[in-house]
Amino acid sequence: MIRLLISDDSAFMRIAIRKMVESQSDIEVVGEAKTGQMCVEMARELRPDVITMDVEMPVMDGLEATRQIMAATPCPIIMLSSLTERNSVTTIRALELGAVDFIAKKSSFVQLDIVQIGADLVEKLRYWAKKKSRLSTIRNFAGSPLSVGNNAPAAPRQLRTVPSQQTAGLVVLGISTGGPATLPHVLKSMGRLGCPMVVAQHMPPMFTSGFAAHLRSETGLDVVESTEQMELKPGMIVIAKGGTDVVIREPFPGKLMLYQKTDVNASIHPNADVLFRSAAATSCPVVAVVMTGMGSDGMLGAKDLVARKNAHVLVQEPESCIVDGMPTSTLNAGLATAVLSPKEIGTRLSRLCVSRTIPTFKTSV
């Protein structure tokens, strides 16, 4: 039986969440808190399997409640966030503090799609209840994924070898659940690259703008949300706009452009496979990175990059992931050239993508 604690200052929302799960025989609502402080106390007393946490609450908001719970009585916390830019930034901060996932809700209950959100919530509750015991082995609950060196040695893995290549001209990165807590560690250890980086982080609309602003503030790097027909320049880190996909085109050698195009065949957006496949058509050396996330997004795109470019494929160490589906699928496909912790990925990228000197061409008269 999954023991659920609901935390929301709205009685209407508490009732709605209860209605969403009460028909499920394997989920039991063990408590309802209307303030963050109440949630902290009830988490300590009830020891639930999962908590749903509202972002904005009186007395103590969802951020502080998340921080205190993850420090004292760690438990999977799913944030419920309205589709506003302010709430998206707060939700991203909560994910850094230890929340494992979030569900975007419309700001008005009248507009709330209860059927869709209810199905999504039930799926997430079941998933994270199973992962509760694993959380303590991969996070230090201060918001930082543990480095690989703090865990038991992983079993030997079959890695590809790549001969010496030219300095990379583009980095493409796919990431999903766990990304907001993990990606800052990559960027901080990486620093400014000599080429652009494009990130496909699975997120709905309204969230990626705040995510890009947060990363820019945290790292001091040039992190921006994608726009249509954006020119990619060295040092840029582009977060694909939420809810859509991005493709890279090269109108002439050395000029990379980004276009927003939702692929109807993609099951989730922004889609890493779509991004990776487009990068495989460019003329420059490409480095692909596959990090924490559910499913196998990125694996097929990485396969294209390997087939067409024999590209470097850096994979996050599964033991350091919040969810290891994406990196494990890429690793099992035999595509990885290295398996690294988030900080080690950043360091490796800094070596593979140092500033390049643009060659000059002499012309005969």
Protein backbone atom coordinates (compact mmCIF):
# COMPACT_ATOMS: atom_id res chain seq x y z
CA MET A 1 0.00 0.00 0.00
CA ILE A 2 1.36 3.46 -0.99
CA ARG A 3 1.00 5.91 1.88
CA LEU A 4 0.37 9.42 0.48
CA LEU A 5 0.61 12.73 2.35
CA ILE A 6 -1.10 15.67 0.59
CA SER A 7 0.18 19.19 1.28
CA ASP A 8 -1.80 22.12 -0.16
CA ASP A 9 -3.25 25.27 1.38
CA SER A 10 -6.37 24.97 -0.79
CA ALA A 11 -9.06 22.70 0.68
CA PHE A 12 -10.48 22.42 -2.82
CA MET A 13 -7.15 21.08 -4.16
CA ARG A 14 -6.73 18.68 -1.25
CA ILE A 15 -10.16 17.25 -2.02
CA ALA A 16 -9.33 17.11 -5.74
CA ILE A 17 -6.09 15.20 -5.17
CA ARG A 18 -7.85 12.80 -2.82
CA LYS A 19 -10.53 12.22 -5.48
CA MET A 20 -7.82 11.56 -8.07
CA VAL A 21 -6.35 8.68 -6.08
CA GLU A 22 -9.16 7.30 -3.91
CA SER A 23 -10.29 4.81 -6.56
CA GLN A 24 -6.83 3.19 -6.58
CA SER A 25 -6.74 0.18 -4.26
CA ASP A 26 -2.96 0.49 -3.74
CA ILE A 27 -2.93 4.16 -2.63
CA GLU A 28 -4.00 5.41 0.80
CA VAL A 29 -4.12 9.09 1.80
CA VAL A 30 -2.67 9.07 5.33
CA GLY A 31 -2.75 12.81 5.95
CA GLU A 32 -3.52 16.28 4.61
CA ALA A 33 -1.50 19.38 5.51
CA LYS A 34 -2.55 22.94 4.73
CA THR A 35 0.78 24.61 5.58
CA GLY A 36 4.39 23.71 4.98
CA GLN A 37 5.02 23.50 8.72
CA MET A 38 2.18 21.00 9.13
CA CYS A 39 3.63 18.95 6.27
CA VAL A 40 7.06 18.79 7.92
CA GLU A 41 5.53 17.63 11.21
CA MET A 42 3.21 15.10 9.57
CA ALA A 43 6.05 13.71 7.44
CA ARG A 44 8.00 13.05 10.64
CA GLU A 45 5.03 11.42 12.39
CA LEU A 46 3.41 9.49 9.52
CA ARG A 47 6.48 8.51 7.45
CA PRO A 48 4.57 8.50 4.13
CA ASP A 49 5.88 6.80 1.00
CA VAL A 50 5.27 9.88 -1.17
CA ILE A 51 4.29 13.52 -0.57
CA THR A 52 2.51 15.88 -2.98
CA MET A 53 3.64 19.43 -2.22
CA ASP A 54 2.09 22.72 -3.29
CA VAL A 55 4.61 25.41 -4.22
CA GLU A 56 2.87 28.33 -2.45
CA MET A 57 1.59 27.84 1.10
CA PRO A 58 1.27 30.07 4.18
CA VAL A 59 3.49 29.93 7.30
CA MET A 60 6.11 27.86 5.44
CA ASP A 61 6.21 27.54 1.66
CA GLY A 62 6.87 24.39 -0.34
CA LEU A 63 10.57 25.21 -0.77
CA GLU A 64 11.37 25.36 2.92
CA ALA A 65 9.15 22.38 3.69
CA THR A 66 10.96 20.35 1.04
CA ARG A 67 14.35 21.35 2.41
CA GLN A 68 13.44 20.38 5.97
CA ILE A 69 11.81 17.08 5.01
CA MET A 70 14.72 15.98 2.83
CA ALA A 71 17.16 16.84 5.60
CA ALA A 72 15.30 15.06 8.41
CA THR A 73 12.95 12.39 6.99
CA PRO A 74 13.80 11.91 3.28
CA CYS A 75 10.81 10.98 1.17
CA PRO A 76 9.92 11.34 -2.52
CA ILE A 77 8.23 14.72 -2.96
CA ILE A 78 6.21 15.57 -6.07
CA MET A 79 5.66 19.31 -6.52
CA LEU A 80 2.32 20.61 -7.81
CA SER A 81 3.04 23.82 -9.70
CA SER A 82 0.81 26.25 -11.54
CA LEU A 83 1.79 27.13 -15.10
CA THR A 84 3.26 30.53 -14.28
CA GLU A 85 6.84 31.72 -14.72
CA ARG A 86 7.18 32.57 -11.02
CA ASN A 87 5.99 29.14 -9.92
CA SER A 88 8.19 27.43 -12.50
CA VAL A 89 11.31 29.05 -11.02
CA THR A 90 10.22 28.03 -7.51
CA THR A 91 9.54 24.47 -8.66
CA ILE A 92 13.01 24.22 -10.21
CA ARG A 93 14.53 25.37 -6.94
CA ALA A 94 12.47 22.72 -5.08
CA LEU A 95 13.85 20.06 -7.43
CA GLU A 96 17.35 21.22 -6.56
CA LEU A 97 16.52 20.93 -2.87
CA GLY A 98 15.45 17.31 -3.20
CA ALA A 99 11.96 17.09 -4.72
CA VAL A 100 12.00 14.27 -7.25
CA ASP A 101 9.34 15.32 -9.75
CA PHE A 102 6.58 17.80 -10.51
CA ILE A 103 3.17 18.05 -12.11
CA ALA A 104 2.12 21.24 -13.87
CA LYS A 105 -1.42 22.34 -13.13
CA LYS A 106 -3.46 25.18 -14.53
CA SER A 107 -3.84 28.12 -12.21
CA SER A 108 -7.62 27.86 -12.06
CA PHE A 109 -9.25 24.74 -10.64
CA VAL A 110 -12.17 25.22 -13.02
CA GLN A 111 -9.71 24.68 -15.91
CA LEU A 112 -7.97 21.75 -14.27
CA ASP A 113 -7.97 18.62 -16.41
CA ILE A 114 -8.58 16.22 -13.54
CA VAL A 115 -8.60 13.08 -15.67
CA GLN A 116 -5.24 13.78 -17.32
CA ILE A 117 -3.50 15.09 -14.20
CA GLY A 118 -5.00 12.31 -12.10
CA ALA A 119 -3.60 9.62 -14.40
CA ASP A 120 -0.21 11.35 -14.42
CA LEU A 121 -0.24 11.67 -10.62
CA VAL A 122 -1.13 8.02 -10.01
CA GLU A 123 1.65 6.88 -12.36
CA LYS A 124 4.20 9.07 -10.60
CA LEU A 125 3.04 8.00 -7.13
CA ARG A 126 3.53 4.34 -7.99
CA TYR A 127 6.89 4.96 -9.61
CA TRP A 128 8.38 7.03 -6.80
CA ALA A 129 6.99 4.83 -4.02
CA LYS A 130 9.10 2.01 -5.49
CA LYS A 131 12.15 4.28 -5.61
CA LYS A 132 11.90 5.54 -2.03
CA SER A 133 14.64 3.29 -0.65
CA ARG A 134 16.93 4.09 -3.60
CA LEU A 135 16.88 7.84 -3.03
CA SER A 136 19.17 7.71 -0.01
CA THR A 137 21.86 5.94 -2.01
CA ILE A 138 22.05 8.48 -4.84
CA ARG A 139 21.47 11.86 -3.16
CA ASN A 140 22.95 13.63 -0.19
CA PHE A 141 19.60 15.43 0.23
CA ALA A 142 21.21 18.82 0.02
CA GLY A 143 20.20 18.83 -3.61
CA SER A 144 23.41 17.41 -5.07
CA PRO A 145 23.72 14.05 -6.78
CA LEU A 146 26.53 12.07 -5.22
CA SER A 147 29.67 11.60 -7.23
CA VAL A 148 30.35 8.13 -8.51
CA GLY A 149 33.36 7.82 -6.26
CA ASN A 150 31.14 7.75 -3.16
CA ASN A 151 29.40 4.57 -4.26
CA ALA A 152 30.46 0.97 -4.65
CA PRO A 153 32.42 0.29 -7.87
CA ALA A 154 30.18 -0.41 -10.84
CA ALA A 155 30.49 -3.60 -12.84
CA PRO A 156 32.85 -3.39 -15.86
CA ARG A 157 31.14 -1.95 -18.92
CA GLN A 158 31.82 -2.25 -22.61
CA LEU A 159 32.74 1.21 -23.88
CA ARG A 160 33.44 2.43 -27.39
CA THR A 161 36.80 3.88 -28.23
CA VAL A 162 37.03 6.98 -30.40
CA PRO A 163 40.25 7.93 -32.19
CA SER A 164 41.65 11.40 -31.72
CA GLN A 165 39.33 13.88 -33.36
CA GLN A 166 39.15 17.56 -34.01
CA THR A 167 37.91 19.75 -31.22
CA ALA A 168 34.12 19.47 -30.94
CA GLY A 169 32.07 22.14 -32.66
CA LEU A 170 28.78 21.30 -30.93
CA VAL A 171 27.50 19.61 -27.76
CA VAL A 172 23.99 18.14 -27.57
CA LEU A 173 22.61 16.96 -24.24
CA GLY A 174 19.48 15.00 -23.36
CA ILE A 175 18.14 14.96 -19.81
CA SER A 176 14.81 14.49 -18.02
CA THR A 177 13.75 13.63 -14.46
CA GLY A 178 16.45 14.83 -12.07
CA GLY A 179 17.78 17.36 -14.57
CA PRO A 180 17.19 20.58 -12.60
CA ALA A 181 19.20 19.18 -9.67
CA THR A 182 21.93 17.63 -11.82
CA LEU A 183 22.62 19.94 -14.76
CA PRO A 184 24.03 22.83 -12.66
CA HIS A 185 26.87 20.55 -11.51
CA VAL A 186 27.80 19.81 -15.12
CA LEU A 187 27.81 23.46 -16.10
CA LYS A 188 29.76 24.66 -13.07
CA SER A 189 32.53 22.12 -13.60
CA MET A 190 32.49 22.72 -17.37
CA GLY A 191 32.80 26.48 -17.60
CA ARG A 192 32.56 28.33 -20.90
CA LEU A 193 32.97 26.08 -23.92
CA GLY A 194 34.54 26.96 -27.22
CA CYS A 195 31.38 25.78 -28.98
CA PRO A 196 27.61 25.96 -28.43
CA MET A 197 25.66 23.46 -26.33
CA VAL A 198 21.98 22.63 -26.88
CA VAL A 199 20.02 20.93 -24.09
CA ALA A 200 16.80 18.94 -24.49
CA GLN A 201 15.37 18.91 -20.95
CA HIS A 202 11.93 17.30 -20.77
CA MET A 203 9.71 20.13 -19.53
CA PRO A 204 6.31 21.66 -20.31
CA PRO A 205 5.91 25.22 -21.67
CA MET A 206 6.51 28.06 -19.18
CA PHE A 207 9.17 26.12 -17.29
CA THR A 208 12.23 26.31 -19.53
CA SER A 209 12.44 30.10 -19.51
CA GLY A 210 12.74 30.09 -15.71
CA PHE A 211 15.10 27.11 -15.85
CA ALA A 212 17.43 28.93 -18.24
CA ALA A 213 17.35 32.08 -16.08
CA HIS A 214 18.09 30.02 -12.97
CA LEU A 215 21.06 28.27 -14.60
CA ARG A 216 22.39 31.59 -15.87
CA SER A 217 22.23 33.03 -12.36
CA GLU A 218 23.76 29.91 -10.74
CA THR A 219 26.64 29.45 -13.18
CA GLY A 220 27.37 32.86 -14.69
CA LEU A 221 27.31 31.24 -18.15
CA ASP A 222 25.39 32.38 -21.22
CA VAL A 223 22.31 30.16 -20.72
CA VAL A 224 19.24 31.08 -22.78
CA GLU A 225 15.94 29.56 -23.83
CA SER A 226 15.71 28.68 -27.52
CA THR A 227 14.00 30.94 -30.03
CA GLU A 228 13.11 30.32 -33.65
CA GLN A 229 16.00 30.78 -36.10
CA MET A 230 18.54 31.28 -33.32
CA GLU A 231 22.17 31.39 -34.40
CA LEU A 232 24.35 29.15 -32.23
CA LYS A 233 27.59 30.77 -31.12
CA PRO A 234 30.55 29.54 -29.04
CA GLY A 235 29.88 29.60 -25.29
CA MET A 236 26.09 29.61 -25.64
CA ILE A 237 24.06 27.06 -23.70
CA VAL A 238 20.60 26.82 -25.20
CA ILE A 239 17.72 25.20 -23.30
CA ALA A 240 15.15 23.93 -25.80
CA LYS A 241 11.80 25.65 -25.29
CA GLY A 242 9.44 23.52 -23.23
CA GLY A 243 6.79 21.48 -24.97
CA THR A 244 8.47 21.63 -28.38
CA ASP A 245 11.47 20.10 -30.15
CA VAL A 246 14.49 21.80 -31.69
CA VAL A 247 16.58 20.89 -34.71
CA ILE A 248 19.98 22.19 -35.80
CA ARG A 249 20.63 23.19 -39.38
CA GLU A 250 23.81 24.36 -41.11
CA PRO A 251 22.90 26.77 -43.95
CA PHE A 252 26.60 26.99 -44.84
CA PRO A 253 29.71 25.41 -43.29
CA GLY A 254 30.45 26.70 -39.81
CA LYS A 255 27.13 28.50 -39.28
CA LEU A 256 24.75 26.60 -37.01
CA MET A 257 21.11 27.65 -36.69
CA LEU A 258 18.42 26.38 -34.34
CA TYR A 259 14.80 25.90 -35.38
CA GLN A 260 11.81 25.00 -33.21
CA LYS A 261 9.77 22.18 -34.68
CA THR A 262 7.54 19.81 -32.74
CA ASP A 263 7.89 16.25 -33.97
CA VAL A 264 4.44 14.60 -33.85
CA ASN A 265 6.10 11.18 -33.66
CA ALA A 266 8.05 12.07 -30.52
CA SER A 267 6.47 10.83 -27.30
CA ILE A 268 7.98 13.53 -25.10
CA HIS A 269 9.24 17.07 -25.62
CA PRO A 270 11.77 18.58 -25.93
CA ASN A 271 13.01 15.37 -27.52
CA ALA A 272 16.68 14.37 -27.34
CA ASP A 273 16.46 11.90 -30.25
CA VAL A 274 15.16 14.67 -32.54
CA LEU A 275 17.95 17.01 -31.43
CA PHE A 276 20.69 14.38 -31.74
CA ARG A 277 19.61 13.27 -35.21
CA SER A 278 19.67 16.83 -36.50
CA ALA A 279 23.16 17.31 -35.05
CA ALA A 280 24.34 14.22 -36.96
CA ALA A 281 23.72 16.10 -40.23
CA THR A 282 26.11 18.96 -39.41
CA SER A 283 29.68 19.11 -40.70
CA CYS A 284 31.36 19.68 -37.32
CA PRO A 285 32.45 17.10 -34.72
CA VAL A 286 29.67 16.58 -32.16
CA VAL A 287 29.69 15.37 -28.54
CA ALA A 288 26.45 13.85 -27.22
CA VAL A 289 25.59 13.60 -23.53
CA VAL A 290 22.82 11.41 -22.08
CA MET A 291 21.88 12.00 -18.46
CA THR A 292 19.30 11.17 -15.79
CA GLY A 293 15.75 10.48 -16.95
CA MET A 294 12.99 7.93 -17.48
CA GLY A 295 12.65 5.96 -20.69
CA SER A 296 15.20 5.73 -23.48
CA ASP A 297 15.15 9.17 -25.12
CA GLY A 298 18.56 9.99 -26.59
CA MET A 299 19.57 6.41 -27.34
CA LEU A 300 18.33 6.31 -30.94
CA GLY A 301 19.70 9.76 -31.66
CA ALA A 302 23.06 8.78 -30.20
CA LYS A 303 23.03 5.73 -32.47
CA ASP A 304 22.72 8.06 -35.48
CA LEU A 305 25.59 10.21 -34.23
CA VAL A 306 27.79 7.16 -33.78
CA ALA A 307 26.91 5.75 -37.21
CA ARG A 308 27.45 9.01 -39.09
CA LYS A 309 30.19 10.69 -37.06
CA ASN A 310 31.68 8.10 -34.67
CA ALA A 311 30.86 10.76 -32.08
CA HIS A 312 31.82 10.85 -28.43
CA VAL A 313 28.82 9.82 -26.28
CA LEU A 314 29.17 10.67 -22.60
CA VAL A 315 26.73 8.87 -20.29
CA GLN A 316 25.93 9.76 -16.70
CA GLU A 317 26.87 7.02 -14.27
CA PRO A 318 23.54 5.25 -13.61
CA GLU A 319 24.27 4.97 -9.87
CA SER A 320 24.37 8.79 -9.66
CA CYS A 321 21.05 9.28 -11.48
CA ILE A 322 17.70 10.10 -9.92
CA VAL A 323 16.28 7.85 -12.67
CA ASP A 324 18.69 5.83 -14.79
CA GLY A 325 16.48 4.82 -17.73
CA MET A 326 17.99 7.14 -20.37
CA PRO A 327 21.68 6.59 -19.61
CA THR A 328 21.24 2.86 -19.05
CA SER A 329 19.51 2.39 -22.42
CA THR A 330 22.36 4.22 -24.17
CA LEU A 331 24.94 2.23 -22.24
CA ASN A 332 23.24 -1.09 -22.98
CA ALA A 333 23.16 -0.23 -26.69
CA GLY A 334 26.97 -0.10 -26.66
CA LEU A 335 27.10 3.60 -27.62
CA ALA A 336 28.92 5.15 -24.66
CA THR A 337 32.53 6.29 -24.85
CA ALA A 338 32.61 7.25 -21.16
CA VAL A 339 30.47 6.77 -18.03
CA LEU A 340 30.92 9.69 -15.67
CA SER A 341 29.47 11.59 -12.71
CA PRO A 342 27.83 14.97 -13.47
CA LYS A 343 30.94 16.91 -12.43
CA GLU A 344 33.18 14.60 -14.42
CA ILE A 345 30.97 15.13 -17.49
CA GLY A 346 31.56 18.87 -17.19
CA THR A 347 35.30 18.41 -16.88
CA ARG A 348 35.41 16.09 -19.89
CA LEU A 349 33.40 18.52 -21.99
CA SER A 350 35.81 21.33 -21.14
CA ARG A 351 38.63 19.20 -22.57
CA LEU A 352 36.76 18.10 -25.68
CA CYS A 353 35.42 21.57 -26.49
CA VAL A 354 38.27 24.01 -25.92
CA SER A 355 38.21 27.24 -27.87
CA ARG A 356 39.06 26.70 -31.48
CA THR A 357 41.06 28.91 -33.79
CA ILE A 358 39.04 29.58 -36.90
CA PRO A 359 41.19 28.68 -39.92
CA THR A 360 41.88 31.30 -42.54
CA PHE A 361 41.91 30.41 -46.20
CA LYS A 362 44.23 31.99 -48.74
CA THR A 363 42.88 32.66 -52.18
CA SER A 364 44.95 32.97 -55.29
CA VAL A 365 44.51 36.01 -57.46
